[in-house]
Amino acid sequence: MQNQKIRIRLKAFDYKLIDQSAIEIVETAKRTGAVVKGPVPLPTSIERFDVLRSPHVNKTSRDQFEIRTHRRLMDIIDPTDKTVDALMKLDLPAGVDVEIKL
């Protein structure tokens, strides 16, 4: 798998989980002899919701909620077959979404 690149994008609501997962991926790739660029923190997307507090009157009284989606980007340059096998066997936490492009 020479002259190839694996791009890994991580998404999670909890920044601790995503940082821990990124460290595991980097350590696994470096252990198998690949060169890793990153993790690069991408902008955090914030989705906000306004909800009425009262079901009847008091329209000006509202609760505000938000969901923050943290993202990280990593490139693995010149991966070996061992690197791909080790990444496939890697067990990441349930709250982390992983997207891999070759």
PDB file of N, CA and C in Angstrom:
ATOM      1  N   MET A   1       0.834  -1.190   0.000  1.00  0.00           N
ATOM      2  CA  MET A   1       0.000   0.000   0.000  1.00  0.00           C
ATOM      3  C   MET A   1       0.878   1.253   0.000  1.00  0.00           C
ATOM      4  N   GLN A   2       1.791   1.332  -0.931  1.00  0.00           N
ATOM      5  CA  GLN A   2       2.680   2.482  -0.983  1.00  0.00           C
ATOM      6  C   GLN A   2       1.993   3.666  -1.660  1.00  0.00           C
ATOM      7  N   ASN A   3       2.457   4.863  -1.324  1.00  0.00           N
ATOM      8  CA  ASN A   3       1.942   6.112  -1.884  1.00  0.00           C
ATOM      9  C   ASN A   3       0.441   6.268  -1.676  1.00  0.00           C
ATOM     10  N   GLN A   4      -0.034   5.790  -0.553  1.00  0.00           N
ATOM     11  CA  GLN A   4      -1.444   5.962  -0.225  1.00  0.00           C
ATOM     12  C   GLN A   4      -1.572   6.714   1.082  1.00  0.00           C
ATOM     13  N   LYS A   5      -2.797   7.138   1.351  1.00  0.00           N
ATOM     14  CA  LYS A   5      -3.061   7.902   2.560  1.00  0.00           C
ATOM     15  C   LYS A   5      -4.415   7.469   3.099  1.00  0.00           C
ATOM     16  N   ILE A   6      -4.489   7.262   4.391  1.00  0.00           N
ATOM     17  CA  ILE A   6      -5.757   6.974   5.052  1.00  0.00           C
ATOM     18  C   ILE A   6      -6.147   8.223   5.829  1.00  0.00           C
ATOM     19  N   ARG A   7      -7.347   8.735   5.572  1.00  0.00           N
ATOM     20  CA  ARG A   7      -7.854   9.910   6.288  1.00  0.00           C
ATOM     21  C   ARG A   7      -8.932   9.440   7.257  1.00  0.00           C
ATOM     22  N   ILE A   8      -8.747   9.772   8.528  1.00  0.00           N
ATOM     23  CA  ILE A   8      -9.682   9.367   9.580  1.00  0.00           C
ATOM     24  C   ILE A   8     -10.305  10.616  10.173  1.00  0.00           C
ATOM     25  N   ARG A   9     -11.641  10.651  10.196  1.00  0.00           N
ATOM     26  CA  ARG A   9     -12.374  11.762  10.819  1.00  0.00           C
ATOM     27  C   ARG A   9     -13.147  11.200  12.001  1.00  0.00           C
ATOM     28  N   LEU A  10     -12.978  11.835  13.149  1.00  0.00           N
ATOM     29  CA  LEU A  10     -13.671  11.430  14.368  1.00  0.00           C
ATOM     30  C   LEU A  10     -14.688  12.494  14.745  1.00  0.00           C
ATOM     31  N   LYS A  11     -15.858  12.048  15.226  1.00  0.00           N
ATOM     32  CA  LYS A  11     -16.890  12.966  15.713  1.00  0.00           C
ATOM     33  C   LYS A  11     -17.411  12.432  17.033  1.00  0.00           C
ATOM     34  N   ALA A  12     -17.623  13.328  17.999  1.00  0.00           N
ATOM     35  CA  ALA A  12     -18.182  12.924  19.285  1.00  0.00           C
ATOM     36  C   ALA A  12     -18.746  14.147  19.992  1.00  0.00           C
ATOM     37  N   PHE A  13     -19.661  13.895  20.919  1.00  0.00           N
ATOM     38  CA  PHE A  13     -20.219  14.969  21.728  1.00  0.00           C
ATOM     39  C   PHE A  13     -19.326  15.272  22.926  1.00  0.00           C
ATOM     40  N   ASP A  14     -18.540  14.302  23.363  1.00  0.00           N
ATOM     41  CA  ASP A  14     -17.676  14.450  24.534  1.00  0.00           C
ATOM     42  C   ASP A  14     -16.224  14.598  24.072  1.00  0.00           C
ATOM     43  N   TYR A  15     -15.588  15.708  24.416  1.00  0.00           N
ATOM     44  CA  TYR A  15     -14.223  15.952  23.940  1.00  0.00           C
ATOM     45  C   TYR A  15     -13.218  15.000  24.587  1.00  0.00           C
ATOM     46  N   LYS A  16     -13.496  14.516  25.792  1.00  0.00           N
ATOM     47  CA  LYS A  16     -12.564  13.587  26.439  1.00  0.00           C
ATOM     48  C   LYS A  16     -12.511  12.263  25.680  1.00  0.00           C
ATOM     49  N   LEU A  17     -13.674  11.770  25.253  1.00  0.00           N
ATOM     50  CA  LEU A  17     -13.721  10.516  24.499  1.00  0.00           C
ATOM     51  C   LEU A  17     -12.987  10.640  23.164  1.00  0.00           C
ATOM     52  N   ILE A  18     -13.189  11.755  22.490  1.00  0.00           N
ATOM     53  CA  ILE A  18     -12.582  11.916  21.165  1.00  0.00           C
ATOM     54  C   ILE A  18     -11.065  12.077  21.275  1.00  0.00           C
ATOM     55  N   ASP A  19     -10.582  12.757  22.302  1.00  0.00           N
ATOM     56  CA  ASP A  19      -9.137  12.893  22.489  1.00  0.00           C
ATOM     57  C   ASP A  19      -8.501  11.556  22.850  1.00  0.00           C
ATOM     58  N   GLN A  20      -9.176  10.776  23.700  1.00  0.00           N
ATOM     59  CA  GLN A  20      -8.673   9.456  24.081  1.00  0.00           C
ATOM     60  C   GLN A  20      -8.627   8.532  22.854  1.00  0.00           C
ATOM     61  N   SER A  21      -9.661   8.576  22.026  1.00  0.00           N
ATOM     62  CA  SER A  21      -9.703   7.744  20.823  1.00  0.00           C
ATOM     63  C   SER A  21      -8.612   8.151  19.841  1.00  0.00           C
ATOM     64  N   ALA A  22      -8.380   9.450  19.699  1.00  0.00           N
ATOM     65  CA  ALA A  22      -7.338   9.933  18.790  1.00  0.00           C
ATOM     66  C   ALA A  22      -5.961   9.455  19.246  1.00  0.00           C
ATOM     67  N   ILE A  23      -5.711   9.481  20.544  1.00  0.00           N
ATOM     68  CA  ILE A  23      -4.426   9.010  21.077  1.00  0.00           C
ATOM     69  C   ILE A  23      -4.247   7.522  20.790  1.00  0.00           C
ATOM     70  N   GLU A  24      -5.311   6.727  20.964  1.00  0.00           N
ATOM     71  CA  GLU A  24      -5.233   5.287  20.691  1.00  0.00           C
ATOM     72  C   GLU A  24      -4.919   5.022  19.220  1.00  0.00           C
ATOM     73  N   ILE A  25      -5.561   5.757  18.323  1.00  0.00           N
ATOM     74  CA  ILE A  25      -5.329   5.559  16.889  1.00  0.00           C
ATOM     75  C   ILE A  25      -3.895   5.936  16.521  1.00  0.00           C
ATOM     76  N   VAL A  26      -3.400   7.056  17.049  1.00  0.00           N
ATOM     77  CA  VAL A  26      -2.032   7.496  16.744  1.00  0.00           C
ATOM     78  C   VAL A  26      -1.018   6.486  17.268  1.00  0.00           C
ATOM     79  N   GLU A  27      -1.206   5.994  18.494  1.00  0.00           N
ATOM     80  CA  GLU A  27      -0.269   5.015  19.057  1.00  0.00           C
ATOM     81  C   GLU A  27      -0.274   3.721  18.256  1.00  0.00           C
ATOM     82  N   THR A  28      -1.459   3.271  17.841  1.00  0.00           N
ATOM     83  CA  THR A  28      -1.556   2.039  17.062  1.00  0.00           C
ATOM     84  C   THR A  28      -0.860   2.192  15.715  1.00  0.00           C
ATOM     85  N   ALA A  29      -1.064   3.314  15.052  1.00  0.00           N
ATOM     86  CA  ALA A  29      -0.446   3.523  13.740  1.00  0.00           C
ATOM     87  C   ALA A  29       1.074   3.657  13.855  1.00  0.00           C
ATOM     88  N   LYS A  30       1.550   4.367  14.868  1.00  0.00           N
ATOM     89  CA  LYS A  30       3.000   4.536  15.032  1.00  0.00           C
ATOM     90  C   LYS A  30       3.672   3.219  15.411  1.00  0.00           C
ATOM     91  N   ARG A  31       2.967   2.381  16.164  1.00  0.00           N
ATOM     92  CA  ARG A  31       3.523   1.098  16.571  1.00  0.00           C
ATOM     93  C   ARG A  31       3.770   0.197  15.359  1.00  0.00           C
ATOM     94  N   THR A  32       2.954   0.347  14.312  1.00  0.00           N
ATOM     95  CA  THR A  32       3.107  -0.488  13.124  1.00  0.00           C
ATOM     96  C   THR A  32       4.002   0.148  12.071  1.00  0.00           C
ATOM     97  N   GLY A  33       4.570   1.305  12.350  1.00  0.00           N
ATOM     98  CA  GLY A  33       5.554   1.900  11.461  1.00  0.00           C
ATOM     99  C   GLY A  33       5.023   2.905  10.465  1.00  0.00           C
ATOM    100  N   ALA A  34       3.816   3.393  10.633  1.00  0.00           N
ATOM    101  CA  ALA A  34       3.260   4.389   9.713  1.00  0.00           C
ATOM    102  C   ALA A  34       3.539   5.797  10.236  1.00  0.00           C
ATOM    103  N   VAL A  35       3.470   6.773   9.346  1.00  0.00           N
ATOM    104  CA  VAL A  35       3.646   8.178   9.712  1.00  0.00           C
ATOM    105  C   VAL A  35       2.263   8.788   9.890  1.00  0.00           C
ATOM    106  N   VAL A  36       2.055   9.464  11.030  1.00  0.00           N
ATOM    107  CA  VAL A  36       0.740  10.023  11.349  1.00  0.00           C
ATOM    108  C   VAL A  36       0.834  11.542  11.392  1.00  0.00           C
ATOM    109  N   LYS A  37      -0.084  12.208  10.715  1.00  0.00           N
ATOM    110  CA  LYS A  37      -0.228  13.663  10.783  1.00  0.00           C
ATOM    111  C   LYS A  37      -1.501  13.958  11.559  1.00  0.00           C
ATOM    112  N   GLY A  38      -1.376  14.629  12.663  1.00  0.00           N
ATOM    113  CA  GLY A  38      -2.567  14.974  13.443  1.00  0.00           C
ATOM    114  C   GLY A  38      -2.474  14.373  14.824  1.00  0.00           C
ATOM    115  N   PRO A  39      -3.535  14.403  15.565  1.00  0.00           N
ATOM    116  CA  PRO A  39      -4.900  14.824  15.247  1.00  0.00           C
ATOM    117  C   PRO A  39      -5.042  16.347  15.150  1.00  0.00           C
ATOM    118  N   VAL A  40      -5.749  16.783  14.130  1.00  0.00           N
ATOM    119  CA  VAL A  40      -6.008  18.198  13.901  1.00  0.00           C
ATOM    120  C   VAL A  40      -7.414  18.507  14.403  1.00  0.00           C
ATOM    121  N   PRO A  41      -7.564  19.412  15.361  1.00  0.00           N
ATOM    122  CA  PRO A  41      -8.916  19.750  15.822  1.00  0.00           C
ATOM    123  C   PRO A  41      -9.632  20.613  14.791  1.00  0.00           C
ATOM    124  N   LEU A  42     -10.783  20.152  14.355  1.00  0.00           N
ATOM    125  CA  LEU A  42     -11.622  20.910  13.435  1.00  0.00           C
ATOM    126  C   LEU A  42     -12.603  21.749  14.247  1.00  0.00           C
ATOM    127  N   PRO A  43     -13.241  22.742  13.643  1.00  0.00           N
ATOM    128  CA  PRO A  43     -14.168  23.593  14.405  1.00  0.00           C
ATOM    129  C   PRO A  43     -15.309  22.792  15.033  1.00  0.00           C
ATOM    130  N   THR A  44     -15.643  23.158  16.256  1.00  0.00           N
ATOM    131  CA  THR A  44     -16.740  22.514  16.970  1.00  0.00           C
ATOM    132  C   THR A  44     -18.052  23.121  16.498  1.00  0.00           C
ATOM    133  N   SER A  45     -18.970  22.251  16.051  1.00  0.00           N
ATOM    134  CA  SER A  45     -20.271  22.765  15.617  1.00  0.00           C
ATOM    135  C   SER A  45     -21.218  22.775  16.811  1.00  0.00           C
ATOM    136  N   ILE A  46     -21.915  23.889  16.987  1.00  0.00           N
ATOM    137  CA  ILE A  46     -22.821  24.065  18.118  1.00  0.00           C
ATOM    138  C   ILE A  46     -24.233  24.218  17.570  1.00  0.00           C
ATOM    139  N   GLU A  47     -25.119  23.328  18.010  1.00  0.00           N
ATOM    140  CA  GLU A  47     -26.519  23.391  17.604  1.00  0.00           C
ATOM    141  C   GLU A  47     -27.340  23.797  18.825  1.00  0.00           C
ATOM    142  N   ARG A  48     -28.067  24.907  18.708  1.00  0.00           N
ATOM    143  CA  ARG A  48     -28.804  25.444  19.854  1.00  0.00           C
ATOM    144  C   ARG A  48     -30.303  25.277  19.651  1.00  0.00           C
ATOM    145  N   PHE A  49     -31.008  25.007  20.772  1.00  0.00           N
ATOM    146  CA  PHE A  49     -32.454  24.846  20.761  1.00  0.00           C
ATOM    147  C   PHE A  49     -33.057  25.738  21.828  1.00  0.00           C
ATOM    148  N   ASP A  50     -34.128  26.453  21.482  1.00  0.00           N
ATOM    149  CA  ASP A  50     -34.887  27.257  22.441  1.00  0.00           C
ATOM    150  C   ASP A  50     -36.236  26.583  22.638  1.00  0.00           C
ATOM    151  N   VAL A  51     -36.590  26.353  23.902  1.00  0.00           N
ATOM    152  CA  VAL A  51     -37.831  25.655  24.237  1.00  0.00           C
ATOM    153  C   VAL A  51     -38.622  26.520  25.205  1.00  0.00           C
ATOM    154  N   LEU A  52     -39.934  26.623  24.970  1.00  0.00           N
ATOM    155  CA  LEU A  52     -40.794  27.367  25.887  1.00  0.00           C
ATOM    156  C   LEU A  52     -40.837  26.666  27.236  1.00  0.00           C
ATOM    157  N   ARG A  53     -40.709  27.417  28.321  1.00  0.00           N
ATOM    158  CA  ARG A  53     -40.760  26.829  29.659  1.00  0.00           C
ATOM    159  C   ARG A  53     -42.182  26.471  30.053  1.00  0.00           C
ATOM    160  N   SER A  54     -43.116  27.342  29.708  1.00  0.00           N
ATOM    161  CA  SER A  54     -44.504  27.176  30.126  1.00  0.00           C
ATOM    162  C   SER A  54     -45.344  26.697  28.939  1.00  0.00           C
ATOM    163  N   PRO A  55     -46.301  25.798  29.170  1.00  0.00           N
ATOM    164  CA  PRO A  55     -47.133  25.326  28.062  1.00  0.00           C
ATOM    165  C   PRO A  55     -48.228  26.317  27.658  1.00  0.00           C
ATOM    166  N   HIS A  56     -48.497  27.341  28.491  1.00  0.00           N
ATOM    167  CA  HIS A  56     -49.653  28.193  28.218  1.00  0.00           C
ATOM    168  C   HIS A  56     -49.256  29.635  27.887  1.00  0.00           C
ATOM    169  N   VAL A  57     -48.781  30.384  28.872  1.00  0.00           N
ATOM    170  CA  VAL A  57     -48.432  31.789  28.657  1.00  0.00           C
ATOM    171  C   VAL A  57     -46.935  31.975  28.853  1.00  0.00           C
ATOM    172  N   ASN A  58     -46.489  33.201  28.997  1.00  0.00           N
ATOM    173  CA  ASN A  58     -45.075  33.533  29.236  1.00  0.00           C
ATOM    174  C   ASN A  58     -44.188  33.096  28.067  1.00  0.00           C
ATOM    175  N   LYS A  59     -44.491  33.634  26.921  1.00  0.00           N
ATOM    176  CA  LYS A  59     -43.720  33.293  25.726  1.00  0.00           C
ATOM    177  C   LYS A  59     -42.269  33.764  25.824  1.00  0.00           C
ATOM    178  N   THR A  60     -42.012  34.799  26.612  1.00  0.00           N
ATOM    179  CA  THR A  60     -40.647  35.320  26.708  1.00  0.00           C
ATOM    180  C   THR A  60     -39.758  34.478  27.612  1.00  0.00           C
ATOM    181  N   SER A  61     -40.335  33.564  28.358  1.00  0.00           N
ATOM    182  CA  SER A  61     -39.556  32.712  29.256  1.00  0.00           C
ATOM    183  C   SER A  61     -39.212  31.413  28.524  1.00  0.00           C
ATOM    184  N   ARG A  62     -37.919  31.215  28.249  1.00  0.00           N
ATOM    185  CA  ARG A  62     -37.496  30.045  27.479  1.00  0.00           C
ATOM    186  C   ARG A  62     -36.264  29.392  28.105  1.00  0.00           C
ATOM    187  N   ASP A  63     -36.136  28.095  27.848  1.00  0.00           N
ATOM    188  CA  ASP A  63     -34.924  27.357  28.201  1.00  0.00           C
ATOM    189  C   ASP A  63     -34.079  27.217  26.946  1.00  0.00           C
ATOM    190  N   GLN A  64     -32.769  27.263  27.124  1.00  0.00           N
ATOM    191  CA  GLN A  64     -31.863  27.122  25.989  1.00  0.00           C
ATOM    192  C   GLN A  64     -30.979  25.898  26.199  1.00  0.00           C
ATOM    193  N   PHE A  65     -30.913  25.059  25.169  1.00  0.00           N
ATOM    194  CA  PHE A  65     -30.090  23.859  25.192  1.00  0.00           C
ATOM    195  C   PHE A  65     -29.169  23.893  23.985  1.00  0.00           C
ATOM    196  N   GLU A  66     -28.023  23.218  24.113  1.00  0.00           N
ATOM    197  CA  GLU A  66     -27.109  23.153  22.977  1.00  0.00           C
ATOM    198  C   GLU A  66     -26.424  21.798  22.930  1.00  0.00           C
ATOM    199  N   ILE A  67     -26.074  21.391  21.718  1.00  0.00           N
ATOM    200  CA  ILE A  67     -25.314  20.169  21.484  1.00  0.00           C
ATOM    201  C   ILE A  67     -24.028  20.583  20.782  1.00  0.00           C
ATOM    202  N   ARG A  68     -22.900  20.226  21.368  1.00  0.00           N
ATOM    203  CA  ARG A  68     -21.600  20.535  20.765  1.00  0.00           C
ATOM    204  C   ARG A  68     -21.036  19.257  20.146  1.00  0.00           C
ATOM    205  N   THR A  69     -20.676  19.336  18.871  1.00  0.00           N
ATOM    206  CA  THR A  69     -20.084  18.204  18.174  1.00  0.00           C
ATOM    207  C   THR A  69     -18.612  18.520  17.923  1.00  0.00           C
ATOM    208  N   HIS A  70     -17.742  17.771  18.595  1.00  0.00           N
ATOM    209  CA  HIS A  70     -16.294  17.952  18.459  1.00  0.00           C
ATOM    210  C   HIS A  70     -15.797  17.048  17.334  1.00  0.00           C
ATOM    211  N   ARG A  71     -14.830  17.550  16.554  1.00  0.00           N
ATOM    212  CA  ARG A  71     -14.313  16.785  15.425  1.00  0.00           C
ATOM    213  C   ARG A  71     -12.790  16.822  15.407  1.00  0.00           C
ATOM    214  N   ARG A  72     -12.200  15.713  14.956  1.00  0.00           N
ATOM    215  CA  ARG A  72     -10.752  15.614  14.793  1.00  0.00           C
ATOM    216  C   ARG A  72     -10.460  14.976  13.434  1.00  0.00           C
ATOM    217  N   LEU A  73      -9.308  15.327  12.864  1.00  0.00           N
ATOM    218  CA  LEU A  73      -8.884  14.806  11.566  1.00  0.00           C
ATOM    219  C   LEU A  73      -7.463  14.279  11.688  1.00  0.00           C
ATOM    220  N   MET A  74      -7.226  13.081  11.128  1.00  0.00           N
ATOM    221  CA  MET A  74      -5.892  12.484  11.133  1.00  0.00           C
ATOM    222  C   MET A  74      -5.593  11.904   9.764  1.00  0.00           C
ATOM    223  N   ASP A  75      -4.353  12.003   9.330  1.00  0.00           N
ATOM    224  CA  ASP A  75      -3.890  11.377   8.095  1.00  0.00           C
ATOM    225  C   ASP A  75      -2.800  10.379   8.449  1.00  0.00           C
ATOM    226  N   ILE A  76      -2.939   9.166   7.925  1.00  0.00           N
ATOM    227  CA  ILE A  76      -1.905   8.146   8.078  1.00  0.00           C
ATOM    228  C   ILE A  76      -1.268   7.985   6.706  1.00  0.00           C
ATOM    229  N   ILE A  77       0.013   8.325   6.622  1.00  0.00           N
ATOM    230  CA  ILE A  77       0.720   8.339   5.343  1.00  0.00           C
ATOM    231  C   ILE A  77       1.524   7.051   5.202  1.00  0.00           C
ATOM    232  N   ASP A  78       1.471   6.455   4.020  1.00  0.00           N
ATOM    233  CA  ASP A  78       2.145   5.189   3.701  1.00  0.00           C
ATOM    234  C   ASP A  78       1.833   4.099   4.725  1.00  0.00           C
ATOM    235  N   PRO A  79       0.557   3.712   4.865  1.00  0.00           N
ATOM    236  CA  PRO A  79       0.226   2.649   5.818  1.00  0.00           C
ATOM    237  C   PRO A  79       0.675   1.284   5.297  1.00  0.00           C
ATOM    238  N   THR A  80       1.067   0.429   6.207  1.00  0.00           N
ATOM    239  CA  THR A  80       1.419  -0.941   5.858  1.00  0.00           C
ATOM    240  C   THR A  80       0.196  -1.826   6.072  1.00  0.00           C
ATOM    241  N   ASP A  81       0.316  -3.093   5.694  1.00  0.00           N
ATOM    242  CA  ASP A  81      -0.791  -4.030   5.921  1.00  0.00           C
ATOM    243  C   ASP A  81      -1.022  -4.230   7.415  1.00  0.00           C
ATOM    244  N   LYS A  82       0.057  -4.204   8.185  1.00  0.00           N
ATOM    245  CA  LYS A  82      -0.077  -4.329   9.643  1.00  0.00           C
ATOM    246  C   LYS A  82      -0.864  -3.155  10.214  1.00  0.00           C
ATOM    247  N   THR A  83      -0.649  -1.969   9.660  1.00  0.00           N
ATOM    248  CA  THR A  83      -1.358  -0.781  10.140  1.00  0.00           C
ATOM    249  C   THR A  83      -2.854  -0.926   9.927  1.00  0.00           C
ATOM    250  N   VAL A  84      -3.244  -1.361   8.742  1.00  0.00           N
ATOM    251  CA  VAL A  84      -4.667  -1.517   8.433  1.00  0.00           C
ATOM    252  C   VAL A  84      -5.294  -2.577   9.331  1.00  0.00           C
ATOM    253  N   ASP A  85      -4.605  -3.706   9.522  1.00  0.00           N
ATOM    254  CA  ASP A  85      -5.137  -4.764  10.388  1.00  0.00           C
ATOM    255  C   ASP A  85      -5.277  -4.284  11.827  1.00  0.00           C
ATOM    256  N   ALA A  86      -4.276  -3.553  12.316  1.00  0.00           N
ATOM    257  CA  ALA A  86      -4.327  -3.065  13.698  1.00  0.00           C
ATOM    258  C   ALA A  86      -5.447  -2.047  13.882  1.00  0.00           C
ATOM    259  N   LEU A  87      -5.676  -1.189  12.886  1.00  0.00           N
ATOM    260  CA  LEU A  87      -6.761  -0.209  12.992  1.00  0.00           C
ATOM    261  C   LEU A  87      -8.128  -0.878  12.935  1.00  0.00           C
ATOM    262  N   MET A  88      -8.253  -1.954  12.160  1.00  0.00           N
ATOM    263  CA  MET A  88      -9.536  -2.660  12.085  1.00  0.00           C
ATOM    264  C   MET A  88      -9.853  -3.368  13.402  1.00  0.00           C
ATOM    265  N   LYS A  89      -8.826  -3.833  14.108  1.00  0.00           N
ATOM    266  CA  LYS A  89      -9.033  -4.537  15.375  1.00  0.00           C
ATOM    267  C   LYS A  89      -9.192  -3.594  16.557  1.00  0.00           C
ATOM    268  N   LEU A  90      -8.933  -2.313  16.346  1.00  0.00           N
ATOM    269  CA  LEU A  90      -8.982  -1.335  17.430  1.00  0.00           C
ATOM    270  C   LEU A  90     -10.415  -1.151  17.916  1.00  0.00           C
ATOM    271  N   ASP A  91     -10.601  -1.189  19.225  1.00  0.00           N
ATOM    272  CA  ASP A  91     -11.928  -1.044  19.825  1.00  0.00           C
ATOM    273  C   ASP A  91     -12.030   0.351  20.435  1.00  0.00           C
ATOM    274  N   LEU A  92     -12.902   1.184  19.860  1.00  0.00           N
ATOM    275  CA  LEU A  92     -13.079   2.561  20.323  1.00  0.00           C
ATOM    276  C   LEU A  92     -14.360   2.680  21.139  1.00  0.00           C
ATOM    277  N   PRO A  93     -14.475   3.705  21.990  1.00  0.00           N
ATOM    278  CA  PRO A  93     -15.684   3.885  22.803  1.00  0.00           C
ATOM    279  C   PRO A  93     -16.935   4.076  21.943  1.00  0.00           C
ATOM    280  N   ALA A  94     -18.091   3.842  22.556  1.00  0.00           N
ATOM    281  CA  ALA A  94     -19.362   3.853  21.832  1.00  0.00           C
ATOM    282  C   ALA A  94     -19.770   5.247  21.372  1.00  0.00           C
ATOM    283  N   GLY A  95     -19.330   6.295  22.026  1.00  0.00           N
ATOM    284  CA  GLY A  95     -19.770   7.638  21.676  1.00  0.00           C
ATOM    285  C   GLY A  95     -18.979   8.302  20.565  1.00  0.00           C
ATOM    286  N   VAL A  96     -18.058   7.578  19.928  1.00  0.00           N
ATOM    287  CA  VAL A  96     -17.193   8.166  18.906  1.00  0.00           C
ATOM    288  C   VAL A  96     -17.582   7.619  17.535  1.00  0.00           C
ATOM    289  N   ASP A  97     -17.838   8.526  16.587  1.00  0.00           N
ATOM    290  CA  ASP A  97     -18.157   8.152  15.214  1.00  0.00           C
ATOM    291  C   ASP A  97     -16.880   8.255  14.388  1.00  0.00           C
ATOM    292  N   VAL A  98     -16.525   7.166  13.696  1.00  0.00           N
ATOM    293  CA  VAL A  98     -15.284   7.108  12.925  1.00  0.00           C
ATOM    294  C   VAL A  98     -15.627   7.009  11.442  1.00  0.00           C
ATOM    295  N   GLU A  99     -15.002   7.871  10.641  1.00  0.00           N
ATOM    296  CA  GLU A  99     -15.185   7.845   9.190  1.00  0.00           C
ATOM    297  C   GLU A  99     -13.806   7.706   8.567  1.00  0.00           C
ATOM    298  N   ILE A 100     -13.611   6.651   7.761  1.00  0.00           N
ATOM    299  CA  ILE A 100     -12.300   6.357   7.184  1.00  0.00           C
ATOM    300  C   ILE A 100     -12.393   6.438   5.667  1.00  0.00           C
ATOM    301  N   LYS A 101     -11.456   7.179   5.061  1.00  0.00           N
ATOM    302  CA  LYS A 101     -11.367   7.268   3.601  1.00  0.00           C
ATOM    303  C   LYS A 101      -9.973   6.852   3.175  1.00  0.00           C
ATOM    304  N   LEU A 102      -9.904   6.083   2.104  1.00  0.00           N
ATOM    305  CA  LEU A 102      -8.609   5.659   1.567  1.00  0.00           C
ATOM    306  C   LEU A 102      -8.189   6.562   0.437  1.00  0.00           C
TER     307      LEU A 102
END
